[in-house]
Amino acid sequence: MADLLFVGSHGTDDPTKAALPFLAATGALANQTDVAVALVAEAPYLMKDAIAKTVLPVGFKPLTELMQQCRDAGVPVYV
């Protein structure tokens, strides 16, 4: 079980907020913390590649890169 669960509820309506759970998860991974991400409300649509590619948060890496970092680290994503 993860030590931290990051919950996202935003989708393409707010790209920066949509990326926050994945951004926080990658930050926690850098600290060797066991994490998981849960997506609710509009956020599950981000799991579709065609939609994720359109999400470009302000001031951060593209959502697809953040998601890939989570995948590479084996972070579970609950939808």
Foldseek 3Di string as FASTA:
>chain_A
DFPEEAEAEDFQVALQSLQVSLVVVLVVVVVVGGYAYEYDHHNVVCVDPVRQQVRDHPPDHRSVVSVVSCVVVVHYYHD
